[in-house]
Amino acid sequence: MKVGELHNYLQNNLVDFDEFAKYIAKHLEKEEE
């Protein structure tokens, strides 16, 4: 996912920071594999 897409995702879904942090953690774990 590109930064622009992530920005649009956040605007469209208005997730709270905790949910956002969980999403990023999952994304980073996938990148490391």
PDB file of N, CA and C in Angstrom:
ATOM      1  N   MET A   1       0.844  -1.196   0.000  1.00  0.00           N
ATOM      2  CA  MET A   1       0.000   0.000   0.000  1.00  0.00           C
ATOM      3  C   MET A   1       0.876   1.241   0.000  1.00  0.00           C
ATOM      4  N   LYS A   2       0.563   2.158  -0.892  1.00  0.00           N
ATOM      5  CA  LYS A   2       1.330   3.395  -0.977  1.00  0.00           C
ATOM      6  C   LYS A   2       0.863   4.381   0.091  1.00  0.00           C
ATOM      7  N   VAL A   3       1.703   5.369   0.370  1.00  0.00           N
ATOM      8  CA  VAL A   3       1.376   6.358   1.395  1.00  0.00           C
ATOM      9  C   VAL A   3       0.088   7.099   1.048  1.00  0.00           C
ATOM     10  N   GLY A   4      -0.069   7.464  -0.226  1.00  0.00           N
ATOM     11  CA  GLY A   4      -1.280   8.165  -0.643  1.00  0.00           C
ATOM     12  C   GLY A   4      -2.524   7.331  -0.418  1.00  0.00           C
ATOM     13  N   GLU A   5      -2.412   6.026  -0.711  1.00  0.00           N
ATOM     14  CA  GLU A   5      -3.545   5.132  -0.498  1.00  0.00           C
ATOM     15  C   GLU A   5      -3.867   5.023   0.987  1.00  0.00           C
ATOM     16  N   LEU A   6      -2.817   4.962   1.814  1.00  0.00           N
ATOM     17  CA  LEU A   6      -3.013   4.884   3.260  1.00  0.00           C
ATOM     18  C   LEU A   6      -3.696   6.151   3.765  1.00  0.00           C
ATOM     19  N   HIS A   7      -3.276   7.301   3.249  1.00  0.00           N
ATOM     20  CA  HIS A   7      -3.876   8.571   3.648  1.00  0.00           C
ATOM     21  C   HIS A   7      -5.353   8.597   3.293  1.00  0.00           C
ATOM     22  N   ASN A   8      -5.679   8.139   2.088  1.00  0.00           N
ATOM     23  CA  ASN A   8      -7.083   8.083   1.667  1.00  0.00           C
ATOM     24  C   ASN A   8      -7.872   7.119   2.535  1.00  0.00           C
ATOM     25  N   TYR A   9      -7.255   5.991   2.883  1.00  0.00           N
ATOM     26  CA  TYR A   9      -7.902   5.004   3.747  1.00  0.00           C
ATOM     27  C   TYR A   9      -8.265   5.629   5.094  1.00  0.00           C
ATOM     28  N   LEU A  10      -7.331   6.369   5.658  1.00  0.00           N
ATOM     29  CA  LEU A  10      -7.581   6.997   6.952  1.00  0.00           C
ATOM     30  C   LEU A  10      -8.694   8.028   6.853  1.00  0.00           C
ATOM     31  N   GLN A  11      -8.693   8.821   5.785  1.00  0.00           N
ATOM     32  CA  GLN A  11      -9.738   9.835   5.615  1.00  0.00           C
ATOM     33  C   GLN A  11     -11.108   9.187   5.446  1.00  0.00           C
ATOM     34  N   ASN A  12     -11.142   8.102   4.674  1.00  0.00           N
ATOM     35  CA  ASN A  12     -12.418   7.451   4.377  1.00  0.00           C
ATOM     36  C   ASN A  12     -12.981   6.701   5.576  1.00  0.00           C
ATOM     37  N   ASN A  13     -12.116   6.159   6.406  1.00  0.00           N
ATOM     38  CA  ASN A  13     -12.577   5.313   7.502  1.00  0.00           C
ATOM     39  C   ASN A  13     -12.518   5.982   8.878  1.00  0.00           C
ATOM     40  N   LEU A  14     -11.752   7.059   8.975  1.00  0.00           N
ATOM     41  CA  LEU A  14     -11.649   7.788  10.235  1.00  0.00           C
ATOM     42  C   LEU A  14     -11.421   6.855  11.423  1.00  0.00           C
ATOM     43  N   VAL A  15     -10.447   5.983  11.268  1.00  0.00           N
ATOM     44  CA  VAL A  15     -10.132   5.038  12.336  1.00  0.00           C
ATOM     45  C   VAL A  15      -9.491   5.765  13.513  1.00  0.00           C
ATOM     46  N   ASP A  16      -9.708   5.234  14.708  1.00  0.00           N
ATOM     47  CA  ASP A  16      -9.031   5.817  15.861  1.00  0.00           C
ATOM     48  C   ASP A  16      -7.577   5.349  15.874  1.00  0.00           C
ATOM     49  N   PHE A  17      -6.750   5.983  16.676  1.00  0.00           N
ATOM     50  CA  PHE A  17      -5.314   5.723  16.621  1.00  0.00           C
ATOM     51  C   PHE A  17      -4.970   4.290  17.002  1.00  0.00           C
ATOM     52  N   ASP A  18      -5.709   3.719  17.944  1.00  0.00           N
ATOM     53  CA  ASP A  18      -5.421   2.349  18.379  1.00  0.00           C
ATOM     54  C   ASP A  18      -5.616   1.372  17.230  1.00  0.00           C
ATOM     55  N   GLU A  19      -6.709   1.517  16.497  1.00  0.00           N
ATOM     56  CA  GLU A  19      -6.961   0.650  15.350  1.00  0.00           C
ATOM     57  C   GLU A  19      -5.901   0.882  14.285  1.00  0.00           C
ATOM     58  N   PHE A  20      -5.519   2.134  14.076  1.00  0.00           N
ATOM     59  CA  PHE A  20      -4.490   2.476  13.101  1.00  0.00           C
ATOM     60  C   PHE A  20      -3.160   1.833  13.472  1.00  0.00           C
ATOM     61  N   ALA A  21      -2.822   1.887  14.754  1.00  0.00           N
ATOM     62  CA  ALA A  21      -1.569   1.294  15.217  1.00  0.00           C
ATOM     63  C   ALA A  21      -1.564  -0.216  14.988  1.00  0.00           C
ATOM     64  N   LYS A  22      -2.695  -0.864  15.238  1.00  0.00           N
ATOM     65  CA  LYS A  22      -2.796  -2.307  15.005  1.00  0.00           C
ATOM     66  C   LYS A  22      -2.620  -2.616  13.527  1.00  0.00           C
ATOM     67  N   TYR A  23      -3.229  -1.799  12.666  1.00  0.00           N
ATOM     68  CA  TYR A  23      -3.131  -1.994  11.220  1.00  0.00           C
ATOM     69  C   TYR A  23      -1.685  -1.871  10.764  1.00  0.00           C
ATOM     70  N   ILE A  24      -0.997  -0.851  11.241  1.00  0.00           N
ATOM     71  CA  ILE A  24       0.404  -0.636  10.866  1.00  0.00           C
ATOM     72  C   ILE A  24       1.270  -1.790  11.361  1.00  0.00           C
ATOM     73  N   ALA A  25       1.024  -2.249  12.583  1.00  0.00           N
ATOM     74  CA  ALA A  25       1.805  -3.358  13.131  1.00  0.00           C
ATOM     75  C   ALA A  25       1.663  -4.595  12.257  1.00  0.00           C
ATOM     76  N   LYS A  26       0.440  -4.903  11.831  1.00  0.00           N
ATOM     77  CA  LYS A  26       0.214  -6.062  10.969  1.00  0.00           C
ATOM     78  C   LYS A  26       0.925  -5.871   9.642  1.00  0.00           C
ATOM     79  N   HIS A  27       0.857  -4.663   9.087  1.00  0.00           N
ATOM     80  CA  HIS A  27       1.470  -4.373   7.792  1.00  0.00           C
ATOM     81  C   HIS A  27       2.987  -4.527   7.870  1.00  0.00           C
ATOM     82  N   LEU A  28       3.577  -4.043   8.956  1.00  0.00           N
ATOM     83  CA  LEU A  28       5.025  -4.139   9.119  1.00  0.00           C
ATOM     84  C   LEU A  28       5.460  -5.587   9.283  1.00  0.00           C
ATOM     85  N   GLU A  29       4.676  -6.376   9.993  1.00  0.00           N
ATOM     86  CA  GLU A  29       5.012  -7.788  10.176  1.00  0.00           C
ATOM     87  C   GLU A  29       5.025  -8.508   8.838  1.00  0.00           C
ATOM     88  N   LYS A  30       4.079  -8.186   7.962  1.00  0.00           N
ATOM     89  CA  LYS A  30       4.023  -8.811   6.640  1.00  0.00           C
ATOM     90  C   LYS A  30       5.244  -8.419   5.822  1.00  0.00           C
ATOM     91  N   GLU A  31       5.670  -7.167   5.923  1.00  0.00           N
ATOM     92  CA  GLU A  31       6.819  -6.677   5.168  1.00  0.00           C
ATOM     93  C   GLU A  31       8.098  -7.398   5.580  1.00  0.00           C
ATOM     94  N   GLU A  32       8.204  -7.767   6.848  1.00  0.00           N
ATOM     95  CA  GLU A  32       9.431  -8.391   7.346  1.00  0.00           C
ATOM     96  C   GLU A  32       9.559  -9.845   6.933  1.00  0.00           C
ATOM     97  N   GLU A  33       8.449 -10.504   6.622  1.00  0.00           N
ATOM     98  CA  GLU A  33       8.491 -11.930   6.271  1.00  0.00           C
ATOM     99  C   GLU A  33       9.159 -12.160   4.930  1.00  0.00           C
TER     100      GLU A  33
END
